[in-house]
Amino acid sequence: MSYIVKTKNGEFKIKKGEQFFKIAEELQKKNKYTVLAVKFNNEIKELWKKVHGSGYAEPVDVTSTEGMRIYRRALLFIIYIALKRKFKKSKLVVHHSIGSGLYFEIKGVKNSEKNIEKLKAEMKKIIEEDLLFEKITLSKFDAIKYFDENDEKDKAILFKYRKKTTVKVYKCGEYINYFYEYMPPSTGYIELFDVIAYDKGFVLLHPNQSSPDKIPEFKPLPKLSATFIEYKKWLDILNIQNVGELNSLIAKGVNKSGELIRIAEALHEKKYANIADQIMKRKHVRLICLAGPSSSGKTTSAKRIALQLKVNGKEPLQISLDDYYMDYEKIPLTPEGKKDLESIEALDLDLLNRNLKDLIEGKEVELPRYNFVTGKREWTGKKVKAGKNQPIIIEGIHGLNEKLTESIPRDQKFKVYVSALIQMNLDEMNRIPTTDTRLIRRIVRDYNFRGATALRTLQLWPEVRKGEEANIFPYQEEADIMFNSYLIYELPILKLYAEPLLLEIDNTLPEYTEAKRLLRFLDYFLPLPAIKHVPNISVLREFIGDSTFEY
């Protein structure tokens, strides 16, 4: 018996009982980059698995998001093994992405050039040895016992709250580790990498989707790094470092969870007040620009900073950048021929700058209103006038780009970058990408307030991310201050909303791969049915509803 495998280049037959290695071999003939796994009928398949039926196959390599995750995951296991071999008492702790790299620390190892060279040499040796990544199944309690005895209690507590009675771990040589997603077949599939010293730790550099043939240049992001460090201190205050510890607190009941919510919200309020205080100290500031990626909580943050400015005796005037879109037919196109709503050129910059300049000069201005149904600008007769020294707040994805407000001198502007920068990981090696939090927020918000299914949100997400990379992230270090809008308790609450929406996506759709990954991710969190404890001015209310603010 044989199966039919279809690809974009045609089709071929394979025998029953063959592994996905056979499909990968065929795909590799027409693929420039190493095939790390196969996407088969919209599911990621590791190459050692057996094929059970006919279907459509696509290569997974470093040019795809899934492939990049696999590549980086394998590198982390390689670092783990290298440390066990060369620095036996060391401990690897992965923190967060930074620019084109991944920041991590090694407890017990100094980030000296000598130690870095030792680590890199051992990693290269492990890659040359081409060691297999074998997936093995343990009972949940055997896995807990194993990691507990090997001083990896972060993994042990994570498994404690899993519903499944088994845990799948990876074995490479004599070493066992846990990763919640996929691996390539062996260490030999990894080619390019580098490790450099940075701050108190190290940065792992590797190819990415836009530069799969080389390691991109590392550019330090000191303000972003400082924001992650600040949030790490908040986690210390909350006495929670990973998802297992968060689940442990949730398991203690609503009273404990309610206290966690109140402390997390108080930390946010304190930060908003601090931002307002810094604005007040700058006497010449007239324009406050907020920017951040999709679902970062920009709108709520703008409103809460406005509240804090009112506490300081100011009455800020808020202007929406959405009202400055060009008429739809004038909006520029992407290279694919679609309307590029993420481009700064989609905005009428001349009108915006003219309005802002007039307002700052004390003139009365009629503000436009954009009708997204007709794709046309409308004039409603609404006129506003800014008082002397009255601050103006604008919020939108281009807020940090000087081109947006080039008619206003820089010393009259205060720029705030807002994003949901999660620092808490599943365990010390399995980080939670910050984009996952924003994507789950957006899925919930789009369903609640924009009539969009989870499928539609996932379909749009790649273009949204592309726009962020081009229009937001290059300017983040231009901010005067960064605000981390992530709330430690939000994913256990968002889980209640997002899971049923994601479950509607079946495996006949390309987006099933991502929906399945997000469902697996959310499965690590205990649900938190303490929604009534979430304040009505919380950033989270922007996504789940019942906010006192109007959006």
Protein backbone atom coordinates (compact mmCIF):
# COMPACT_ATOMS: atom_id res chain seq x y z
CA MET A 1 0.00 0.00 0.00
CA SER A 2 1.20 3.52 -0.74
CA TYR A 3 0.15 7.09 0.02
CA ILE A 4 -0.09 10.08 -2.30
CA VAL A 5 1.82 13.16 -1.12
CA LYS A 6 0.95 16.43 -2.86
CA THR A 7 3.23 19.49 -2.83
CA LYS A 8 3.28 22.85 -4.61
CA ASN A 9 5.63 21.26 -7.17
CA GLY A 10 3.55 18.18 -7.91
CA GLU A 11 2.97 14.86 -6.18
CA PHE A 12 4.71 11.57 -5.42
CA LYS A 13 4.03 8.23 -3.74
CA ILE A 14 5.51 6.81 -0.55
CA LYS A 15 5.08 3.39 0.99
CA LYS A 16 2.97 2.78 4.05
CA GLY A 17 5.15 2.84 7.18
CA GLU A 18 7.62 5.39 5.79
CA GLN A 19 8.80 8.20 8.04
CA PHE A 20 8.51 11.90 7.23
CA PHE A 21 12.23 11.77 6.42
CA LYS A 22 11.15 10.39 3.05
CA ILE A 23 8.84 13.33 2.38
CA ALA A 24 11.54 15.76 3.59
CA GLU A 25 14.01 14.23 1.10
CA GLU A 26 11.61 14.95 -1.78
CA LEU A 27 10.85 18.45 -0.56
CA GLN A 28 14.56 19.20 -0.11
CA LYS A 29 15.16 18.74 -3.84
CA LYS A 30 13.28 21.98 -4.55
CA ASN A 31 14.00 23.79 -1.27
CA LYS A 32 17.01 26.05 -0.76
CA TYR A 33 17.19 25.74 3.03
CA THR A 34 17.43 22.67 5.25
CA VAL A 35 14.04 21.06 5.88
CA LEU A 36 13.72 20.84 9.68
CA ALA A 37 10.20 19.39 9.79
CA VAL A 38 7.21 18.90 7.50
CA LYS A 39 3.86 20.65 7.60
CA PHE A 40 1.47 17.87 6.61
CA ASN A 41 -2.26 18.53 6.28
CA ASN A 42 -1.71 21.70 8.33
CA GLU A 43 0.06 19.95 11.20
CA ILE A 44 3.78 20.11 12.04
CA LYS A 45 5.36 16.67 11.86
CA GLU A 46 8.80 15.79 13.19
CA LEU A 47 10.77 13.83 10.59
CA TRP A 48 11.11 10.63 12.61
CA LYS A 49 7.33 10.18 12.78
CA LYS A 50 5.58 7.70 10.49
CA VAL A 51 3.19 8.83 7.76
CA HIS A 52 -0.40 7.65 8.20
CA GLY A 53 -2.28 8.57 5.07
CA SER A 54 -2.16 10.80 2.01
CA GLY A 55 -2.02 14.57 2.21
CA TYR A 56 -0.46 17.90 1.29
CA ALA A 57 3.11 18.56 2.44
CA GLU A 58 5.11 21.77 2.86
CA PRO A 59 8.73 22.17 4.00
CA VAL A 60 9.38 23.80 7.37
CA ASP A 61 12.70 25.66 7.32
CA VAL A 62 14.23 28.81 8.84
CA THR A 63 12.25 31.06 6.48
CA SER A 64 9.04 30.16 8.35
CA THR A 65 7.99 31.11 11.87
CA GLU A 66 7.60 27.45 12.82
CA GLY A 67 11.02 26.57 11.42
CA MET A 68 12.70 29.45 13.22
CA ARG A 69 11.25 28.27 16.52
CA ILE A 70 12.52 24.73 15.88
CA TYR A 71 15.99 26.00 15.01
CA ARG A 72 16.25 28.17 18.13
CA ARG A 73 14.87 25.41 20.37
CA ALA A 74 17.51 22.98 19.14
CA LEU A 75 20.22 25.57 19.77
CA LEU A 76 19.05 25.98 23.37
CA PHE A 77 19.25 22.22 23.95
CA ILE A 78 22.76 22.28 22.43
CA ILE A 79 23.77 25.07 24.83
CA TYR A 80 22.29 23.07 27.71
CA ILE A 81 24.38 20.01 26.80
CA ALA A 82 27.54 22.10 26.28
CA LEU A 83 27.11 23.60 29.75
CA LYS A 84 26.59 20.20 31.34
CA ARG A 85 29.80 18.99 29.72
CA LYS A 86 32.01 22.03 30.38
CA PHE A 87 30.50 23.80 33.39
CA LYS A 88 28.87 21.07 35.44
CA LYS A 89 27.47 23.30 38.20
CA SER A 90 26.04 25.92 35.84
CA LYS A 91 22.35 26.62 35.25
CA LEU A 92 20.85 28.03 32.05
CA VAL A 93 18.10 30.65 32.41
CA VAL A 94 16.51 32.01 29.21
CA HIS A 95 15.01 35.48 29.60
CA HIS A 96 13.70 37.25 26.50
CA SER A 97 14.35 38.15 22.89
CA ILE A 98 16.32 41.30 22.22
CA GLY A 99 16.73 42.61 18.71
CA SER A 100 17.90 39.73 16.54
CA GLY A 101 18.98 37.58 19.49
CA LEU A 102 17.85 35.80 22.63
CA TYR A 103 19.13 37.02 25.99
CA PHE A 104 20.01 34.39 28.60
CA GLU A 105 22.06 34.04 31.74
CA ILE A 106 24.20 31.18 32.98
CA LYS A 107 24.28 30.97 36.73
CA GLY A 108 27.75 30.01 37.88
CA VAL A 109 29.52 31.10 34.66
CA LYS A 110 31.05 34.53 34.04
CA ASN A 111 30.45 36.09 30.64
CA SER A 112 34.16 36.31 29.90
CA GLU A 113 35.59 35.85 26.39
CA LYS A 114 37.38 32.70 27.56
CA ASN A 115 34.16 31.09 28.80
CA ILE A 116 32.26 32.14 25.69
CA GLU A 117 34.87 30.53 23.45
CA LYS A 118 34.73 27.32 25.53
CA LEU A 119 30.94 27.28 25.22
CA LYS A 120 30.94 27.91 21.47
CA ALA A 121 33.63 25.31 20.82
CA GLU A 122 31.64 22.67 22.72
CA MET A 123 28.44 23.63 20.88
CA LYS A 124 30.20 23.19 17.53
CA LYS A 125 31.48 19.81 18.68
CA ILE A 126 27.94 18.71 19.64
CA ILE A 127 26.67 19.82 16.22
CA GLU A 128 29.45 17.86 14.49
CA GLU A 129 28.56 14.77 16.55
CA ASP A 130 25.09 14.90 14.98
CA LEU A 131 23.38 13.60 18.11
CA LEU A 132 19.77 12.48 17.76
CA PHE A 133 16.91 14.33 19.45
CA GLU A 134 14.75 11.45 20.66
CA LYS A 135 11.25 12.05 22.01
CA ILE A 136 10.34 9.78 24.92
CA THR A 137 7.20 9.54 27.03
CA LEU A 138 7.28 9.57 30.83
CA SER A 139 4.45 9.40 33.31
CA LYS A 140 3.74 12.84 34.70
CA PHE A 141 4.88 11.82 38.16
CA ASP A 142 8.10 10.19 36.91
CA ALA A 143 8.86 13.43 35.03
CA ILE A 144 8.20 15.48 38.16
CA LYS A 145 10.49 13.21 40.17
CA TYR A 146 13.25 13.30 37.53
CA PHE A 147 13.38 17.09 37.20
CA ASP A 148 12.97 17.59 40.95
CA GLU A 149 16.00 15.36 41.61
CA ASN A 150 18.00 17.16 38.88
CA ASP A 151 17.46 20.60 40.46
CA GLU A 152 15.02 21.73 37.77
CA LYS A 153 12.09 22.41 40.07
CA ASP A 154 10.64 24.97 37.64
CA LYS A 155 9.78 22.09 35.28
CA ALA A 156 8.54 19.88 38.11
CA ILE A 157 6.02 22.48 39.30
CA LEU A 158 4.92 23.15 35.70
CA PHE A 159 3.98 19.48 35.21
CA LYS A 160 2.15 19.34 38.54
CA TYR A 161 -0.78 21.30 37.11
CA ARG A 162 -0.97 19.56 33.72
CA LYS A 163 -4.16 17.58 33.09
CA LYS A 164 -2.36 14.96 31.01
CA THR A 165 -0.97 11.93 32.85
CA THR A 166 2.10 11.71 30.59
CA VAL A 167 4.89 14.10 29.61
CA LYS A 168 6.91 13.94 26.38
CA VAL A 169 10.54 14.91 26.89
CA TYR A 170 13.58 14.97 24.59
CA LYS A 171 16.70 12.88 25.06
CA CYS A 172 19.94 13.87 23.34
CA GLY A 173 22.90 11.66 24.13
CA GLU A 174 22.75 11.12 27.88
CA TYR A 175 20.81 14.33 28.56
CA ILE A 176 17.07 14.79 29.02
CA ASN A 177 15.26 18.10 28.69
CA TYR A 178 11.75 19.36 28.15
CA PHE A 179 10.50 21.61 25.34
CA TYR A 180 6.81 22.15 24.70
CA GLU A 181 7.19 22.28 20.92
CA TYR A 182 9.07 20.47 18.17
CA MET A 183 12.71 19.56 17.45
CA PRO A 184 14.70 18.74 14.29
CA PRO A 185 15.95 15.15 14.00
CA SER A 186 19.46 15.83 15.31
CA THR A 187 22.03 18.44 16.32
CA GLY A 188 23.59 18.23 12.85
CA TYR A 189 20.65 20.15 11.38
CA ILE A 190 21.92 23.32 13.05
CA GLU A 191 24.47 25.34 11.10
CA LEU A 192 24.84 29.02 11.97
CA PHE A 193 24.94 30.56 15.46
CA ASP A 194 26.95 32.86 17.68
CA VAL A 195 27.11 33.69 21.37
CA ILE A 196 28.20 37.11 22.64
CA ALA A 197 28.48 38.75 26.05
CA TYR A 198 25.79 41.29 26.86
CA ASP A 199 25.00 43.05 30.13
CA LYS A 200 25.12 40.43 32.92
CA GLY A 201 24.62 37.50 30.59
CA PHE A 202 24.81 36.36 26.99
CA VAL A 203 22.97 36.76 23.71
CA LEU A 204 22.34 33.82 21.40
CA LEU A 205 22.43 34.93 17.77
CA HIS A 206 21.05 32.88 14.91
CA PRO A 207 19.64 33.36 11.40
CA ASN A 208 16.10 34.66 11.14
CA GLN A 209 13.36 34.63 8.53
CA SER A 210 14.60 37.77 6.81
CA SER A 211 18.27 36.69 6.81
CA PRO A 212 18.28 32.86 6.67
CA ASP A 213 21.79 32.68 5.18
CA LYS A 214 23.62 34.67 7.83
CA ILE A 215 23.57 35.89 11.41
CA PRO A 216 22.15 39.41 11.49
CA GLU A 217 24.08 42.16 13.21
CA PHE A 218 23.21 42.52 16.89
CA LYS A 219 22.05 45.97 17.93
CA PRO A 220 21.72 46.57 21.69
CA LEU A 221 18.37 47.93 22.87
CA PRO A 222 19.14 49.42 26.29
CA LYS A 223 15.71 50.94 26.94
CA LEU A 224 13.92 47.74 26.04
CA SER A 225 16.34 45.72 28.20
CA ALA A 226 15.72 48.08 31.12
CA THR A 227 11.95 47.56 30.75
CA PHE A 228 12.37 43.78 30.94
CA ILE A 229 14.56 44.20 34.05
CA GLU A 230 11.91 46.43 35.62
CA TYR A 231 9.24 43.80 35.03
CA LYS A 232 11.54 41.13 36.48
CA LYS A 233 11.61 43.20 39.69
CA TRP A 234 7.80 43.30 39.63
CA LEU A 235 7.78 39.50 39.43
CA ASP A 236 10.08 39.42 42.46
CA ILE A 237 7.57 41.59 44.34
CA LEU A 238 4.80 39.18 43.37
CA ASN A 239 7.04 36.21 44.26
CA ILE A 240 6.24 34.47 40.95
CA GLN A 241 8.93 33.57 38.42
CA ASN A 242 7.24 31.03 36.16
CA VAL A 243 3.89 29.60 35.10
CA GLY A 244 4.09 26.75 37.61
CA GLU A 245 4.34 29.21 40.49
CA LEU A 246 1.46 31.25 39.02
CA ASN A 247 -0.67 28.10 38.81
CA SER A 248 0.23 27.25 42.39
CA LEU A 249 -1.16 30.61 43.54
CA ILE A 250 -4.32 30.26 41.42
CA ALA A 251 -4.90 26.82 42.94
CA LYS A 252 -5.10 28.45 46.39
CA GLY A 253 -8.40 30.10 45.46
CA VAL A 254 -10.05 33.34 44.43
CA ASN A 255 -8.93 35.33 47.47
CA LYS A 256 -5.24 34.81 46.67
CA SER A 257 -5.89 35.46 42.98
CA GLY A 258 -7.78 38.64 43.80
CA GLU A 259 -4.83 39.90 45.81
CA LEU A 260 -2.50 39.11 42.88
CA ILE A 261 -4.74 41.11 40.54
CA ARG A 262 -4.81 44.09 42.91
CA ILE A 263 -1.02 44.15 43.31
CA ALA A 264 -0.42 43.81 39.54
CA GLU A 265 -2.86 46.65 38.85
CA ALA A 266 -1.29 48.81 41.57
CA LEU A 267 2.10 48.39 39.90
CA HIS A 268 0.56 49.58 36.63
CA GLU A 269 -1.04 52.57 38.33
CA LYS A 270 2.25 53.52 39.93
CA LYS A 271 3.98 53.39 36.53
CA TYR A 272 1.29 55.51 34.86
CA ALA A 273 1.67 58.07 37.63
CA ASN A 274 5.45 58.04 37.16
CA ILE A 275 5.05 58.71 33.42
CA ALA A 276 2.76 61.65 34.13
CA ASP A 277 5.24 63.01 36.69
CA GLN A 278 8.06 62.83 34.15
CA ILE A 279 5.94 64.68 31.59
CA MET A 280 5.19 67.40 34.16
CA LYS A 281 8.90 67.88 34.84
CA ARG A 282 9.47 68.82 31.20
CA LYS A 283 8.06 72.31 31.07
CA HIS A 284 8.06 72.65 27.27
CA VAL A 285 6.17 69.42 26.47
CA ARG A 286 2.99 70.05 24.48
CA LEU A 287 2.65 66.81 22.54
CA ILE A 288 2.57 63.31 24.08
CA CYS A 289 2.99 60.54 21.49
CA LEU A 290 2.10 56.94 22.37
CA ALA A 291 3.06 54.09 20.09
CA GLY A 292 3.27 50.34 20.28
CA PRO A 293 2.48 47.17 18.35
CA SER A 294 -0.97 45.66 17.88
CA SER A 295 -2.92 44.86 21.07
CA SER A 296 -0.30 46.39 23.32
CA GLY A 297 -2.88 48.43 25.24
CA LYS A 298 -1.99 51.79 23.71
CA THR A 299 -5.51 53.20 23.89
CA THR A 300 -6.08 52.38 27.55
CA SER A 301 -2.58 53.60 28.39
CA ALA A 302 -3.27 56.93 26.69
CA LYS A 303 -6.46 57.32 28.71
CA ARG A 304 -4.82 56.39 32.01
CA ILE A 305 -1.88 58.74 31.45
CA ALA A 306 -4.46 61.44 30.68
CA LEU A 307 -6.10 60.69 34.05
CA GLN A 308 -2.78 61.03 35.84
CA LEU A 309 -2.11 64.33 34.07
CA LYS A 310 -5.49 65.56 35.31
CA VAL A 311 -4.38 64.66 38.84
CA ASN A 312 -1.45 67.00 38.17
CA GLY A 313 -3.78 69.83 37.12
CA LYS A 314 -3.56 69.35 33.35
CA GLU A 315 -6.51 68.79 31.01
CA PRO A 316 -5.04 66.88 28.04
CA LEU A 317 -6.64 66.98 24.62
CA GLN A 318 -6.72 63.55 22.94
CA ILE A 319 -6.56 63.15 19.16
CA SER A 320 -7.02 59.87 17.29
CA LEU A 321 -4.59 59.16 14.47
CA ASP A 322 -7.23 56.88 12.92
CA ASP A 323 -9.10 60.03 11.87
CA TYR A 324 -6.15 61.09 9.70
CA TYR A 325 -6.24 58.19 7.24
CA MET A 326 -6.20 59.17 3.60
CA ASP A 327 -9.35 58.42 1.60
CA TYR A 328 -9.23 54.71 0.81
CA GLU A 329 -8.32 55.10 -2.87
CA LYS A 330 -5.26 57.17 -1.90
CA ILE A 331 -3.84 54.67 0.57
CA PRO A 332 -0.59 53.14 -0.81
CA LEU A 333 -0.27 49.49 -1.77
CA THR A 334 1.97 46.77 -0.39
CA PRO A 335 4.31 44.94 -2.82
CA GLU A 336 1.56 42.27 -2.98
CA GLY A 337 -0.95 44.87 -4.20
CA LYS A 338 -3.01 45.19 -0.99
CA LYS A 339 -3.90 48.46 0.76
CA ASP A 340 -1.10 49.16 3.24
CA LEU A 341 -2.96 50.50 6.27
CA GLU A 342 0.16 49.96 8.40
CA SER A 343 2.25 52.43 6.37
CA ILE A 344 2.83 55.94 7.68
CA GLU A 345 2.05 57.11 4.13
CA ALA A 346 -1.55 55.94 4.69
CA LEU A 347 -1.97 58.98 6.96
CA ASP A 348 -2.47 62.57 5.84
CA LEU A 349 0.69 63.87 7.49
CA ASP A 350 0.31 67.40 6.11
CA LEU A 351 -3.15 67.80 7.66
CA LEU A 352 -2.06 66.25 10.96
CA ASN A 353 1.00 68.50 11.30
CA ARG A 354 -0.99 71.57 10.32
CA ASN A 355 -3.66 70.78 12.93
CA LEU A 356 -1.11 70.08 15.69
CA LYS A 357 0.88 73.24 14.93
CA ASP A 358 -2.30 75.36 14.97
CA LEU A 359 -3.47 73.84 18.25
CA ILE A 360 -0.12 74.45 19.94
CA GLU A 361 -0.26 78.06 18.71
CA GLY A 362 -3.68 78.46 20.35
CA LYS A 363 -5.78 78.45 17.17
CA GLU A 364 -9.19 76.84 16.88
CA VAL A 365 -9.12 73.72 14.69
CA GLU A 366 -11.83 71.59 13.11
CA LEU A 367 -10.82 67.96 13.52
CA PRO A 368 -11.64 65.37 10.86
CA ARG A 369 -13.44 62.08 11.43
CA TYR A 370 -12.66 59.02 9.35
CA ASN A 371 -15.52 56.79 8.27
CA PHE A 372 -14.10 53.27 7.98
CA VAL A 373 -17.29 52.03 6.31
CA THR A 374 -17.09 54.46 3.38
CA GLY A 375 -13.29 54.85 3.49
CA LYS A 376 -13.73 58.63 3.41
CA ARG A 377 -12.80 61.56 5.63
CA GLU A 378 -15.76 63.44 7.07
CA TRP A 379 -16.10 66.92 8.57
CA THR A 380 -18.56 67.09 11.44
CA GLY A 381 -18.04 70.68 12.45
CA LYS A 382 -16.33 69.61 15.68
CA LYS A 383 -13.86 72.33 16.62
CA VAL A 384 -11.34 72.30 19.44
CA LYS A 385 -8.88 74.73 20.90
CA ALA A 386 -5.94 73.93 23.17
CA GLY A 387 -5.34 76.20 26.13
CA LYS A 388 -1.94 77.63 26.98
CA ASN A 389 0.39 74.75 27.97
CA GLN A 390 -2.45 72.24 27.51
CA PRO A 391 -0.90 68.89 26.48
CA ILE A 392 -2.13 67.05 23.40
CA ILE A 393 -2.08 63.24 23.35
CA ILE A 394 -1.91 61.26 20.11
CA GLU A 395 -1.84 57.48 20.03
CA GLY A 396 -1.06 55.10 17.18
CA ILE A 397 1.50 52.75 15.69
CA HIS A 398 3.64 55.56 14.22
CA GLY A 399 3.82 57.72 17.35
CA LEU A 400 7.60 57.37 17.77
CA ASN A 401 8.45 58.12 14.14
CA GLU A 402 9.66 61.74 13.86
CA LYS A 403 8.16 61.92 10.37
CA LEU A 404 4.68 61.74 11.90
CA THR A 405 5.01 65.05 13.76
CA GLU A 406 8.00 66.67 12.05
CA SER A 407 6.55 70.20 12.33
CA ILE A 408 6.71 70.02 16.15
CA PRO A 409 10.16 70.56 17.77
CA ARG A 410 11.50 67.46 19.53
CA ASP A 411 11.79 69.19 22.92
CA GLN A 412 8.02 69.81 22.84
CA LYS A 413 7.32 66.09 22.51
CA PHE A 414 7.28 63.27 25.04
CA LYS A 415 7.28 59.79 23.51
CA VAL A 416 5.91 56.66 25.22
CA TYR A 417 6.38 53.13 23.87
CA VAL A 418 3.76 50.64 25.05
CA SER A 419 3.99 46.86 24.63
CA ALA A 420 3.10 43.67 26.45
CA LEU A 421 6.60 42.45 27.33
CA ILE A 422 6.19 39.19 29.20
CA GLN A 423 9.19 38.21 31.31
CA MET A 424 7.63 35.22 33.05
CA ASN A 425 8.42 31.93 31.28
CA LEU A 426 6.91 28.46 31.35
CA ASP A 427 10.15 27.33 32.97
CA GLU A 428 13.77 28.46 32.88
CA MET A 429 14.29 27.29 29.29
CA ASN A 430 10.84 27.60 27.70
CA ARG A 431 10.19 31.28 27.20
CA ILE A 432 6.82 32.80 26.37
CA PRO A 433 7.14 34.98 23.23
CA THR A 434 5.76 38.48 23.82
CA THR A 435 3.93 38.24 20.49
CA ASP A 436 1.83 35.31 21.79
CA THR A 437 0.33 37.45 24.54
CA ARG A 438 -0.58 40.20 22.06
CA LEU A 439 -2.01 37.70 19.57
CA ILE A 440 -4.26 36.13 22.22
CA ARG A 441 -5.37 39.59 23.35
CA ARG A 442 -6.23 40.47 19.75
CA ILE A 443 -8.16 37.25 19.14
CA VAL A 444 -10.34 38.02 22.17
CA ARG A 445 -10.77 41.73 21.36
CA ASP A 446 -11.52 41.20 17.66
CA TYR A 447 -14.23 38.68 18.52
CA ASN A 448 -15.76 40.80 21.29
CA PHE A 449 -15.73 44.19 19.57
CA ARG A 450 -14.96 43.83 15.86
CA GLY A 451 -17.07 40.85 14.87
CA ALA A 452 -14.02 38.88 13.71
CA THR A 453 -13.46 35.17 14.26
CA ALA A 454 -10.19 33.76 15.60
CA LEU A 455 -9.59 32.44 12.07
CA ARG A 456 -9.80 35.94 10.60
CA THR A 457 -7.44 37.31 13.23
CA LEU A 458 -4.89 34.57 12.51
CA GLN A 459 -5.19 35.21 8.78
CA LEU A 460 -4.39 38.90 9.27
CA TRP A 461 -1.65 38.41 11.87
CA PRO A 462 1.33 37.80 9.52
CA GLU A 463 0.65 41.14 7.75
CA VAL A 464 0.23 42.89 11.10
CA ARG A 465 3.58 41.50 12.26
CA LYS A 466 5.24 42.56 9.01
CA GLY A 467 3.93 46.09 9.56
CA GLU A 468 5.25 46.13 13.13
CA GLU A 469 8.71 45.08 11.98
CA ALA A 470 8.76 47.87 9.41
CA ASN A 471 6.97 50.70 11.20
CA ILE A 472 7.21 50.24 14.97
CA PHE A 473 10.16 48.22 16.25
CA PRO A 474 12.83 50.28 14.43
CA TYR A 475 11.72 53.33 16.44
CA GLN A 476 11.17 51.83 19.91
CA GLU A 477 14.45 53.14 21.32
CA GLU A 478 13.33 56.67 20.36
CA ALA A 479 10.89 56.61 23.28
CA ASP A 480 11.46 58.79 26.32
CA ILE A 481 9.96 56.02 28.41
CA MET A 482 8.67 52.48 27.88
CA PHE A 483 5.60 51.01 29.54
CA ASN A 484 5.09 47.27 29.87
CA SER A 485 1.33 46.69 29.71
CA TYR A 486 1.52 42.95 30.44
CA LEU A 487 -0.36 41.78 33.53
CA ILE A 488 0.88 38.63 35.22
CA TYR A 489 -2.65 37.30 35.70
CA GLU A 490 -4.02 38.03 32.21
CA LEU A 491 -3.33 34.76 30.35
CA PRO A 492 -5.27 32.60 32.87
CA ILE A 493 -8.24 34.95 32.27
CA LEU A 494 -7.81 35.34 28.51
CA LYS A 495 -7.67 31.53 28.31
CA LEU A 496 -11.37 31.41 29.24
CA TYR A 497 -12.22 33.59 26.22
CA ALA A 498 -9.66 32.40 23.66
CA GLU A 499 -9.87 28.61 23.93
CA PRO A 500 -13.41 28.17 22.55
CA LEU A 501 -12.62 30.58 19.71
CA LEU A 502 -9.46 28.68 18.72
CA LEU A 503 -11.23 25.32 18.92
CA GLU A 504 -13.48 26.39 16.03
CA ILE A 505 -10.51 26.19 13.63
CA ASP A 506 -10.14 22.70 12.14
CA ASN A 507 -7.29 20.99 10.32
CA THR A 508 -8.66 21.74 6.86
CA LEU A 509 -7.37 25.30 7.29
CA PRO A 510 -3.74 26.52 7.09
CA GLU A 511 -4.28 28.48 10.34
CA TYR A 512 -4.90 25.23 12.22
CA THR A 513 -1.14 24.91 12.87
CA GLU A 514 -1.09 28.19 14.80
CA ALA A 515 -4.43 27.57 16.52
CA LYS A 516 -3.20 24.20 17.78
CA ARG A 517 0.05 25.73 19.03
CA LEU A 518 -1.80 28.45 20.94
CA LEU A 519 -4.18 25.91 22.47
CA ARG A 520 -1.23 23.82 23.64
CA PHE A 521 0.35 26.94 25.09
CA LEU A 522 -2.81 28.00 26.96
CA ASP A 523 -3.16 24.49 28.35
CA TYR A 524 -0.23 25.20 30.68
CA PHE A 525 -2.26 27.83 32.55
CA LEU A 526 -4.91 27.09 35.13
CA PRO A 527 -8.01 29.15 34.33
CA LEU A 528 -8.67 32.13 36.58
CA PRO A 529 -12.43 32.74 37.00
CA ALA A 530 -11.87 35.97 38.93
CA ILE A 531 -12.96 38.40 36.24
CA LYS A 532 -14.99 40.50 38.70
CA HIS A 533 -11.73 41.39 40.47
CA VAL A 534 -10.32 43.03 37.30
CA PRO A 535 -10.71 46.83 37.68
CA ASN A 536 -12.85 48.58 35.07
CA ILE A 537 -9.92 50.82 34.08
CA SER A 538 -7.51 47.89 33.60
CA VAL A 539 -5.67 47.45 30.31
CA LEU A 540 -7.20 43.96 30.20
CA ARG A 541 -10.70 45.49 29.94
CA GLU A 542 -9.74 46.84 26.52
CA PHE A 543 -9.86 43.22 25.34
CA ILE A 544 -12.44 41.43 27.51
CA GLY A 545 -14.93 44.30 27.89
CA ASP A 546 -16.72 46.24 30.66
CA SER A 547 -14.21 49.08 30.67
CA THR A 548 -15.24 52.46 31.99
CA PHE A 549 -13.39 53.99 29.04
CA GLU A 550 -14.92 54.46 25.61
CA TYR A 551 -12.95 53.05 22.67
